[in-house]
Amino acid sequence: MKLDEAIRDLLDVSTDIVSVAVVDASGAVVAAGPAAAGERASEALGLLWEAASRHAGDAGLEHVVVPLADGVLAAVEAHGHRAVAVTGPRPAVALLLFDLRTCLSDAFGGEEAA
């Protein structure tokens, strides 16, 4: 499945998402959904992920969730990419994290087997 298709599917099933972006290992935005902040989102995600990784230490880091005044910012890492989403109020966070991982797996999961 192509990344654009995976993002469309994500936005269809996760109605809480206001915006979404996917970045590659270098931190470059490779795709974004509605209202995404583009390169600013990539830079902010890089700083957030780095800070959270330092705090996690040897335990590693699979995701980050930051409460916002009217929703959350959630990010996951899988298949050499990170997906970050901003939601509206009261999202189902565990389901959101699952949906972000599924989006990355749908778009990039087959690359690891090749």
N, C-alpha and C. Protein backbone atom coordinates (compact mmCIF):
# COMPACT_ATOMS: atom_id res chain seq x y z
N MET A 1 0.84 -1.17 0.00
CA MET A 1 0.00 0.00 0.00
C MET A 1 0.89 1.24 0.00
N LYS A 2 0.54 2.22 -0.77
CA LYS A 2 1.30 3.46 -0.81
C LYS A 2 0.99 4.31 0.42
N LEU A 3 1.95 5.17 0.77
CA LEU A 3 1.81 6.00 1.96
C LEU A 3 0.58 6.90 1.89
N ASP A 4 0.33 7.51 0.75
CA ASP A 4 -0.86 8.37 0.63
C ASP A 4 -2.14 7.60 0.91
N GLU A 5 -2.21 6.36 0.43
CA GLU A 5 -3.38 5.51 0.69
C GLU A 5 -3.47 5.17 2.17
N ALA A 6 -2.33 4.88 2.79
CA ALA A 6 -2.31 4.53 4.21
C ALA A 6 -2.78 5.72 5.05
N ILE A 7 -2.38 6.93 4.67
CA ILE A 7 -2.82 8.11 5.41
C ILE A 7 -4.32 8.34 5.21
N ARG A 8 -4.81 8.15 3.98
CA ARG A 8 -6.25 8.29 3.74
C ARG A 8 -7.04 7.30 4.60
N ASP A 9 -6.56 6.05 4.65
CA ASP A 9 -7.21 5.05 5.48
C ASP A 9 -7.17 5.45 6.95
N LEU A 10 -6.03 5.95 7.39
CA LEU A 10 -5.89 6.41 8.77
C LEU A 10 -6.90 7.49 9.09
N LEU A 11 -7.02 8.48 8.22
CA LEU A 11 -7.96 9.58 8.45
C LEU A 11 -9.40 9.10 8.39
N ASP A 12 -9.68 8.06 7.61
CA ASP A 12 -11.03 7.51 7.55
C ASP A 12 -11.43 6.81 8.84
N VAL A 13 -10.49 6.06 9.43
CA VAL A 13 -10.82 5.28 10.62
C VAL A 13 -10.60 6.03 11.93
N SER A 14 -9.71 6.99 11.93
CA SER A 14 -9.40 7.73 13.15
C SER A 14 -9.92 9.15 13.00
N THR A 15 -11.19 9.31 13.28
CA THR A 15 -11.86 10.59 13.07
C THR A 15 -11.42 11.68 14.05
N ASP A 16 -10.67 11.31 15.08
CA ASP A 16 -10.17 12.30 16.04
C ASP A 16 -9.00 13.10 15.48
N ILE A 17 -8.33 12.60 14.44
CA ILE A 17 -7.12 13.24 13.93
C ILE A 17 -7.46 14.52 13.18
N VAL A 18 -6.79 15.60 13.59
CA VAL A 18 -6.91 16.90 12.93
C VAL A 18 -5.84 17.03 11.85
N SER A 19 -4.63 16.56 12.15
CA SER A 19 -3.54 16.58 11.18
C SER A 19 -2.58 15.44 11.48
N VAL A 20 -1.87 15.03 10.43
CA VAL A 20 -0.93 13.93 10.55
C VAL A 20 0.24 14.17 9.61
N ALA A 21 1.43 13.75 10.04
CA ALA A 21 2.61 13.83 9.17
C ALA A 21 3.44 12.57 9.40
N VAL A 22 4.12 12.14 8.36
CA VAL A 22 5.04 11.00 8.43
C VAL A 22 6.41 11.52 8.04
N VAL A 23 7.41 11.20 8.87
CA VAL A 23 8.77 11.63 8.60
C VAL A 23 9.66 10.41 8.47
N ASP A 24 10.71 10.53 7.66
CA ASP A 24 11.64 9.41 7.48
C ASP A 24 12.75 9.50 8.53
N ALA A 25 13.70 8.59 8.43
CA ALA A 25 14.77 8.50 9.41
C ALA A 25 15.62 9.77 9.48
N SER A 26 15.68 10.52 8.39
CA SER A 26 16.45 11.76 8.39
C SER A 26 15.66 12.93 8.96
N GLY A 27 14.38 12.72 9.24
CA GLY A 27 13.54 13.78 9.78
C GLY A 27 12.79 14.57 8.72
N ALA A 28 12.90 14.16 7.46
CA ALA A 28 12.19 14.86 6.39
C ALA A 28 10.74 14.39 6.32
N VAL A 29 9.82 15.33 6.14
CA VAL A 29 8.41 14.99 5.98
C VAL A 29 8.24 14.31 4.62
N VAL A 30 7.70 13.10 4.63
CA VAL A 30 7.48 12.38 3.37
C VAL A 30 6.02 12.40 2.96
N ALA A 31 5.13 12.71 3.90
CA ALA A 31 3.70 12.85 3.59
C ALA A 31 3.02 13.54 4.76
N ALA A 32 1.91 14.20 4.45
CA ALA A 32 1.18 14.90 5.49
C ALA A 32 -0.31 14.93 5.14
N GLY A 33 -1.11 14.96 6.19
CA GLY A 33 -2.55 15.04 6.03
C GLY A 33 -3.03 16.46 6.18
N PRO A 34 -4.31 16.66 6.29
CA PRO A 34 -4.87 18.01 6.33
C PRO A 34 -4.32 18.82 7.50
N ALA A 35 -4.07 20.07 7.25
CA ALA A 35 -3.65 21.04 8.28
C ALA A 35 -2.31 20.73 8.92
N ALA A 36 -1.50 19.85 8.30
CA ALA A 36 -0.19 19.52 8.88
C ALA A 36 0.74 20.72 8.77
N ALA A 37 1.66 20.83 9.71
CA ALA A 37 2.56 21.97 9.78
C ALA A 37 3.84 21.78 8.98
N GLY A 38 3.97 20.69 8.25
CA GLY A 38 5.12 20.47 7.38
C GLY A 38 6.44 20.39 8.11
N GLU A 39 7.41 21.15 7.62
CA GLU A 39 8.77 21.08 8.17
C GLU A 39 8.81 21.51 9.64
N ARG A 40 7.97 22.42 10.05
CA ARG A 40 7.94 22.81 11.47
C ARG A 40 7.56 21.61 12.32
N ALA A 41 6.62 20.79 11.83
CA ALA A 41 6.22 19.60 12.57
C ALA A 41 7.38 18.63 12.68
N SER A 42 8.14 18.47 11.61
CA SER A 42 9.27 17.57 11.60
C SER A 42 10.32 17.99 12.63
N GLU A 43 10.64 19.26 12.65
CA GLU A 43 11.63 19.77 13.60
C GLU A 43 11.15 19.59 15.04
N ALA A 44 9.89 19.93 15.30
CA ALA A 44 9.34 19.80 16.65
C ALA A 44 9.30 18.34 17.08
N LEU A 45 8.91 17.45 16.16
CA LEU A 45 8.88 16.03 16.47
C LEU A 45 10.27 15.51 16.78
N GLY A 46 11.27 15.94 16.03
CA GLY A 46 12.64 15.51 16.29
C GLY A 46 13.10 15.91 17.68
N LEU A 47 12.83 17.14 18.06
CA LEU A 47 13.22 17.61 19.39
C LEU A 47 12.46 16.88 20.49
N LEU A 48 11.17 16.68 20.29
CA LEU A 48 10.35 15.97 21.28
C LEU A 48 10.82 14.54 21.44
N TRP A 49 11.03 13.87 20.31
CA TRP A 49 11.45 12.46 20.35
C TRP A 49 12.81 12.31 21.03
N GLU A 50 13.72 13.21 20.72
CA GLU A 50 15.06 13.18 21.33
C GLU A 50 14.97 13.35 22.85
N ALA A 51 14.18 14.31 23.29
CA ALA A 51 14.03 14.55 24.73
C ALA A 51 13.39 13.35 25.42
N ALA A 52 12.34 12.80 24.82
CA ALA A 52 11.66 11.65 25.42
C ALA A 52 12.57 10.42 25.42
N SER A 53 13.38 10.25 24.38
CA SER A 53 14.31 9.12 24.32
C SER A 53 15.35 9.21 25.43
N ARG A 54 15.85 10.41 25.69
CA ARG A 54 16.81 10.58 26.79
C ARG A 54 16.18 10.18 28.11
N HIS A 55 14.93 10.56 28.30
CA HIS A 55 14.22 10.23 29.54
C HIS A 55 13.96 8.73 29.64
N ALA A 56 13.64 8.08 28.52
CA ALA A 56 13.35 6.64 28.52
C ALA A 56 14.60 5.81 28.77
N GLY A 57 15.76 6.33 28.37
CA GLY A 57 17.02 5.61 28.58
C GLY A 57 17.06 4.30 27.84
N ASP A 58 17.57 3.26 28.51
CA ASP A 58 17.76 1.95 27.90
C ASP A 58 16.44 1.24 27.58
N ALA A 59 15.35 1.71 28.19
CA ALA A 59 14.06 1.07 27.96
C ALA A 59 13.59 1.26 26.52
N GLY A 60 14.13 2.25 25.85
CA GLY A 60 13.72 2.53 24.47
C GLY A 60 12.42 3.31 24.44
N LEU A 61 12.05 3.71 23.25
CA LEU A 61 10.87 4.55 23.10
C LEU A 61 10.06 4.04 21.91
N GLU A 62 8.79 3.76 22.12
CA GLU A 62 7.91 3.31 21.05
C GLU A 62 6.95 4.40 20.62
N HIS A 63 6.57 5.24 21.57
CA HIS A 63 5.62 6.31 21.25
C HIS A 63 5.75 7.44 22.26
N VAL A 64 5.18 8.58 21.87
CA VAL A 64 5.13 9.75 22.74
C VAL A 64 3.71 10.31 22.64
N VAL A 65 3.13 10.65 23.78
CA VAL A 65 1.82 11.29 23.81
C VAL A 65 1.93 12.53 24.69
N VAL A 66 1.55 13.67 24.13
CA VAL A 66 1.61 14.93 24.85
C VAL A 66 0.21 15.53 24.91
N PRO A 67 -0.33 15.72 26.11
CA PRO A 67 -1.65 16.36 26.21
C PRO A 67 -1.57 17.82 25.76
N LEU A 68 -2.58 18.23 25.03
CA LEU A 68 -2.71 19.62 24.60
C LEU A 68 -3.98 20.19 25.21
N ALA A 69 -4.17 21.49 25.11
CA ALA A 69 -5.35 22.11 25.69
C ALA A 69 -6.65 21.52 25.13
N ASP A 70 -6.64 21.14 23.85
CA ASP A 70 -7.87 20.66 23.23
C ASP A 70 -7.67 19.35 22.46
N GLY A 71 -6.78 18.49 22.95
CA GLY A 71 -6.52 17.21 22.30
C GLY A 71 -5.19 16.66 22.75
N VAL A 72 -4.53 15.90 21.87
CA VAL A 72 -3.20 15.38 22.15
C VAL A 72 -2.35 15.43 20.90
N LEU A 73 -1.06 15.39 21.11
CA LEU A 73 -0.09 15.14 20.06
C LEU A 73 0.44 13.75 20.34
N ALA A 74 0.36 12.87 19.37
CA ALA A 74 0.83 11.50 19.55
C ALA A 74 1.77 11.16 18.41
N ALA A 75 2.84 10.44 18.74
CA ALA A 75 3.80 10.03 17.73
C ALA A 75 4.24 8.60 18.01
N VAL A 76 4.44 7.84 16.94
CA VAL A 76 4.95 6.48 17.04
C VAL A 76 6.09 6.32 16.05
N GLU A 77 6.94 5.33 16.33
CA GLU A 77 8.04 5.02 15.42
C GLU A 77 7.95 3.55 15.04
N ALA A 78 8.00 3.30 13.74
CA ALA A 78 7.99 1.92 13.24
C ALA A 78 8.47 1.91 11.81
N HIS A 79 9.12 0.83 11.40
CA HIS A 79 9.53 0.64 10.02
C HIS A 79 10.40 1.79 9.50
N GLY A 80 11.25 2.34 10.38
CA GLY A 80 12.17 3.39 9.97
C GLY A 80 11.54 4.75 9.76
N HIS A 81 10.32 4.95 10.20
CA HIS A 81 9.61 6.21 10.04
C HIS A 81 8.90 6.57 11.35
N ARG A 82 8.50 7.81 11.44
CA ARG A 82 7.67 8.26 12.57
C ARG A 82 6.40 8.88 12.01
N ALA A 83 5.30 8.59 12.67
CA ALA A 83 4.03 9.22 12.33
C ALA A 83 3.61 10.05 13.53
N VAL A 84 3.21 11.27 13.28
CA VAL A 84 2.77 12.17 14.34
C VAL A 84 1.40 12.71 13.98
N ALA A 85 0.52 12.75 14.96
CA ALA A 85 -0.84 13.24 14.74
C ALA A 85 -1.23 14.19 15.85
N VAL A 86 -2.04 15.15 15.49
CA VAL A 86 -2.68 16.05 16.45
C VAL A 86 -4.17 15.75 16.38
N THR A 87 -4.79 15.64 17.55
CA THR A 87 -6.20 15.27 17.60
C THR A 87 -7.05 16.40 18.16
N GLY A 88 -8.34 16.18 18.05
CA GLY A 88 -9.30 17.02 18.74
C GLY A 88 -9.45 16.52 20.17
N PRO A 89 -10.46 17.04 20.89
CA PRO A 89 -10.64 16.69 22.30
C PRO A 89 -10.99 15.22 22.53
N ARG A 90 -10.52 14.69 23.63
CA ARG A 90 -10.84 13.37 24.16
C ARG A 90 -10.68 12.21 23.17
N PRO A 91 -9.52 12.06 22.57
CA PRO A 91 -9.32 10.92 21.68
C PRO A 91 -9.12 9.63 22.48
N ALA A 92 -9.36 8.52 21.84
CA ALA A 92 -9.03 7.21 22.42
C ALA A 92 -7.56 6.98 22.12
N VAL A 93 -6.70 7.30 23.06
CA VAL A 93 -5.25 7.35 22.82
C VAL A 93 -4.69 5.99 22.41
N ALA A 94 -5.06 4.93 23.09
CA ALA A 94 -4.53 3.60 22.74
C ALA A 94 -4.91 3.23 21.30
N LEU A 95 -6.12 3.53 20.93
CA LEU A 95 -6.57 3.25 19.56
C LEU A 95 -5.83 4.14 18.56
N LEU A 96 -5.60 5.39 18.92
CA LEU A 96 -4.85 6.31 18.06
C LEU A 96 -3.44 5.79 17.81
N LEU A 97 -2.76 5.33 18.85
CA LEU A 97 -1.41 4.79 18.70
C LEU A 97 -1.42 3.55 17.81
N PHE A 98 -2.42 2.69 18.00
CA PHE A 98 -2.57 1.51 17.15
C PHE A 98 -2.75 1.93 15.69
N ASP A 99 -3.62 2.91 15.46
CA ASP A 99 -3.89 3.37 14.09
C ASP A 99 -2.65 3.98 13.44
N LEU A 100 -1.85 4.72 14.20
CA LEU A 100 -0.62 5.30 13.65
C LEU A 100 0.38 4.19 13.29
N ARG A 101 0.51 3.18 14.15
CA ARG A 101 1.40 2.06 13.85
C ARG A 101 0.92 1.30 12.61
N THR A 102 -0.38 1.11 12.52
CA THR A 102 -0.95 0.41 11.37
C THR A 102 -0.68 1.17 10.09
N CYS A 103 -0.81 2.48 10.12
CA CYS A 103 -0.52 3.32 8.96
C CYS A 103 0.92 3.10 8.49
N LEU A 104 1.87 3.12 9.42
CA LEU A 104 3.27 2.91 9.05
C LEU A 104 3.50 1.49 8.55
N SER A 105 2.86 0.53 9.17
CA SER A 105 3.01 -0.86 8.75
C SER A 105 2.42 -1.08 7.36
N ASP A 106 1.26 -0.49 7.11
CA ASP A 106 0.64 -0.62 5.79
C ASP A 106 1.52 -0.02 4.70
N ALA A 107 2.14 1.11 5.00
CA ALA A 107 2.94 1.82 3.99
C ALA A 107 4.35 1.26 3.85
N PHE A 108 4.95 0.82 4.95
CA PHE A 108 6.38 0.46 4.92
C PHE A 108 6.71 -0.94 5.40
N GLY A 109 5.75 -1.67 5.92
CA GLY A 109 6.00 -3.00 6.49
C GLY A 109 6.61 -3.98 5.51
N GLY A 110 6.20 -3.91 4.26
CA GLY A 110 6.73 -4.82 3.25
C GLY A 110 8.17 -4.54 2.87
N GLU A 111 8.66 -3.34 3.15
CA GLU A 111 10.03 -2.98 2.79
C GLU A 111 11.06 -3.77 3.56
N GLU A 112 10.72 -4.15 4.81
CA GLU A 112 11.68 -4.88 5.64
C GLU A 112 11.88 -6.30 5.14
N ALA A 113 10.83 -6.89 4.56
CA ALA A 113 10.93 -8.25 4.06
C ALA A 113 11.68 -8.32 2.74
N ALA A 114 11.73 -7.22 2.02
CA ALA A 114 12.38 -7.22 0.70
C ALA A 114 13.88 -7.23 0.82
